[in-house]
């Protein structure tokens, strides 16, 4: 059974950092593009970042560029989202998702590009 599990969320102060993890079971993340998305209360889900398959590209939403970093640890079958300089507007439930490999190992931060989704982890930034 293919499964993605997010962890690492929590309560953090303004300006603090968190590292989210997205661990896969039942399949190897190496061959999938991985995206991070978030949804705040009363708002639509938005794309945050993505990483292509091995050696592939990364993309970031403008709102998180320079503050968030996505990375892979293939040995652990896990993708990470390092979040620094957190702001109150980063408060949301964060989801990771896996999608098929794309030509050129690129990735897109669009929900419809992804087939498998985790259950989410809550990130709350206090001011």
Protein backbone atom coordinates (compact mmCIF):
# COMPACT_ATOMS: atom_id res chain seq x y z
CA UNK A 1 0.00 0.00 0.00
CA UNK A 2 1.42 3.35 -1.06
CA UNK A 3 1.51 5.79 1.81
CA UNK A 4 3.00 9.18 2.62
CA UNK A 5 3.33 10.37 6.19
CA UNK A 6 4.21 13.92 7.15
CA UNK A 7 5.79 14.83 10.47
CA UNK A 8 7.65 17.67 12.11
CA UNK A 9 4.87 20.19 12.43
CA UNK A 10 4.14 22.06 15.61
CA UNK A 11 3.97 25.42 17.29
CA UNK A 12 6.84 27.82 16.66
CA UNK A 13 7.42 31.49 17.33
CA UNK A 14 7.63 34.13 14.65
CA UNK A 15 11.06 33.95 13.04
CA UNK A 16 11.64 30.38 14.13
CA UNK A 17 12.33 27.24 12.13
CA UNK A 18 10.83 23.83 11.57
CA UNK A 19 11.76 20.90 9.40
CA UNK A 20 8.95 18.86 7.95
CA UNK A 21 9.49 15.28 6.83
CA UNK A 22 7.60 13.29 4.25
CA UNK A 23 8.27 9.58 4.59
CA UNK A 24 7.08 7.04 2.04
CA UNK A 25 6.12 3.43 2.48
CA UNK A 26 5.15 0.95 -0.17
CA UNK A 27 7.10 2.72 -2.92
CA UNK A 28 10.43 4.43 -3.57
CA UNK A 29 10.36 8.20 -3.63
CA UNK A 30 13.41 8.32 -5.93
CA UNK A 31 11.21 7.90 -8.98
CA UNK A 32 8.60 10.46 -8.05
CA UNK A 33 8.35 14.20 -8.04
CA UNK A 34 7.43 15.37 -4.56
CA UNK A 35 5.46 18.48 -3.75
CA UNK A 36 4.63 20.31 -0.55
CA UNK A 37 1.32 22.10 -0.27
CA UNK A 38 -0.43 23.93 2.52
CA UNK A 39 -3.94 24.95 3.43
CA UNK A 40 -4.82 27.60 5.97
CA UNK A 41 -8.29 27.83 7.54
CA UNK A 42 -10.78 29.34 5.12
CA UNK A 43 -8.28 29.41 2.28
CA UNK A 44 -7.62 27.28 -0.76
CA UNK A 45 -4.75 24.84 -0.82
CA UNK A 46 -1.61 26.39 -2.27
CA UNK A 47 1.61 24.97 -3.59
CA UNK A 48 4.73 25.63 -1.54
CA UNK A 49 7.59 23.75 -3.13
CA UNK A 50 8.49 20.71 -5.18
CA UNK A 51 11.49 18.62 -6.13
CA UNK A 52 11.94 16.54 -9.23
CA UNK A 53 13.25 13.01 -9.35
CA UNK A 54 16.90 12.26 -8.67
CA UNK A 55 18.99 15.20 -9.80
CA UNK A 56 15.88 17.08 -10.76
CA UNK A 57 14.95 20.67 -10.26
CA UNK A 58 13.30 22.43 -7.35
CA UNK A 59 10.61 25.08 -7.37
CA UNK A 60 9.28 27.40 -4.71
CA UNK A 61 6.29 29.64 -4.33
CA UNK A 62 7.27 33.30 -4.27
CA UNK A 63 5.98 33.58 -0.73
CA UNK A 64 8.58 31.12 0.59
CA UNK A 65 11.58 31.70 -1.66
CA UNK A 66 14.72 32.29 0.33
CA UNK A 67 13.14 30.92 3.50
CA UNK A 68 12.17 27.31 2.67
CA UNK A 69 14.39 24.57 1.27
CA UNK A 70 13.24 21.24 -0.09
CA UNK A 71 15.59 18.25 -0.17
CA UNK A 72 15.68 14.48 -0.52
CA UNK A 73 17.33 11.72 1.48
CA UNK A 74 16.99 8.74 -0.80
CA UNK A 75 18.53 6.36 1.71
CA UNK A 76 15.73 7.21 4.13
CA UNK A 77 13.07 7.40 1.42
CA UNK A 78 12.17 10.80 2.81
CA UNK A 79 11.77 14.34 1.53
CA UNK A 80 12.25 17.32 3.81
CA UNK A 81 11.02 20.87 3.88
CA UNK A 82 13.26 23.12 5.95
CA UNK A 83 11.32 26.22 6.93
CA UNK A 84 13.18 29.22 8.32
CA UNK A 85 12.15 32.75 9.24
CA UNK A 86 8.61 31.59 9.75
CA UNK A 87 5.80 34.11 9.63
CA UNK A 88 2.24 34.02 10.89
CA UNK A 89 1.01 33.64 7.32
CA UNK A 90 2.86 30.31 7.13
CA UNK A 91 0.36 28.85 9.59
CA UNK A 92 -1.43 26.01 7.82
CA UNK A 93 -1.74 22.27 7.47
CA UNK A 94 1.14 21.11 5.31
CA UNK A 95 0.77 18.18 2.95
CA UNK A 96 3.28 16.28 0.87
CA UNK A 97 2.34 14.59 -2.35
CA UNK A 98 3.98 12.30 -4.91
CA UNK A 99 3.55 12.49 -8.64
CA UNK A 100 5.01 10.88 -11.73
CA UNK A 101 8.40 11.69 -13.13
CA UNK A 102 8.33 14.44 -15.74
CA UNK A 103 10.51 14.99 -18.76
CA UNK A 104 13.75 16.60 -17.67
CA UNK A 105 13.08 15.66 -14.06
CA UNK A 106 11.27 18.94 -13.52
CA UNK A 107 8.45 19.48 -11.08
CA UNK A 108 5.42 21.74 -10.86
CA UNK A 109 3.73 23.12 -7.78
CA UNK A 110 0.24 22.32 -9.02
CA UNK A 111 -2.05 19.95 -7.18
CA UNK A 112 -3.22 18.07 -10.25
CA UNK A 113 0.35 16.97 -10.95
CA UNK A 114 0.26 14.69 -7.91
CA UNK A 115 -1.45 11.38 -7.34
CA UNK A 116 -0.62 10.36 -3.77
CA UNK A 117 -1.15 12.56 -0.74
CA UNK A 118 -0.33 12.39 2.93
CA UNK A 119 -2.67 13.31 5.78
CA UNK A 120 -0.94 16.55 6.65
CA UNK A 121 0.86 18.08 9.60
CA UNK A 122 -0.14 21.28 11.37
CA UNK A 123 2.26 24.21 11.49
CA UNK A 124 1.32 27.12 13.72
CA UNK A 125 3.44 30.25 13.92
CA UNK A 126 2.75 32.49 16.89
CA UNK A 127 3.45 36.20 16.77
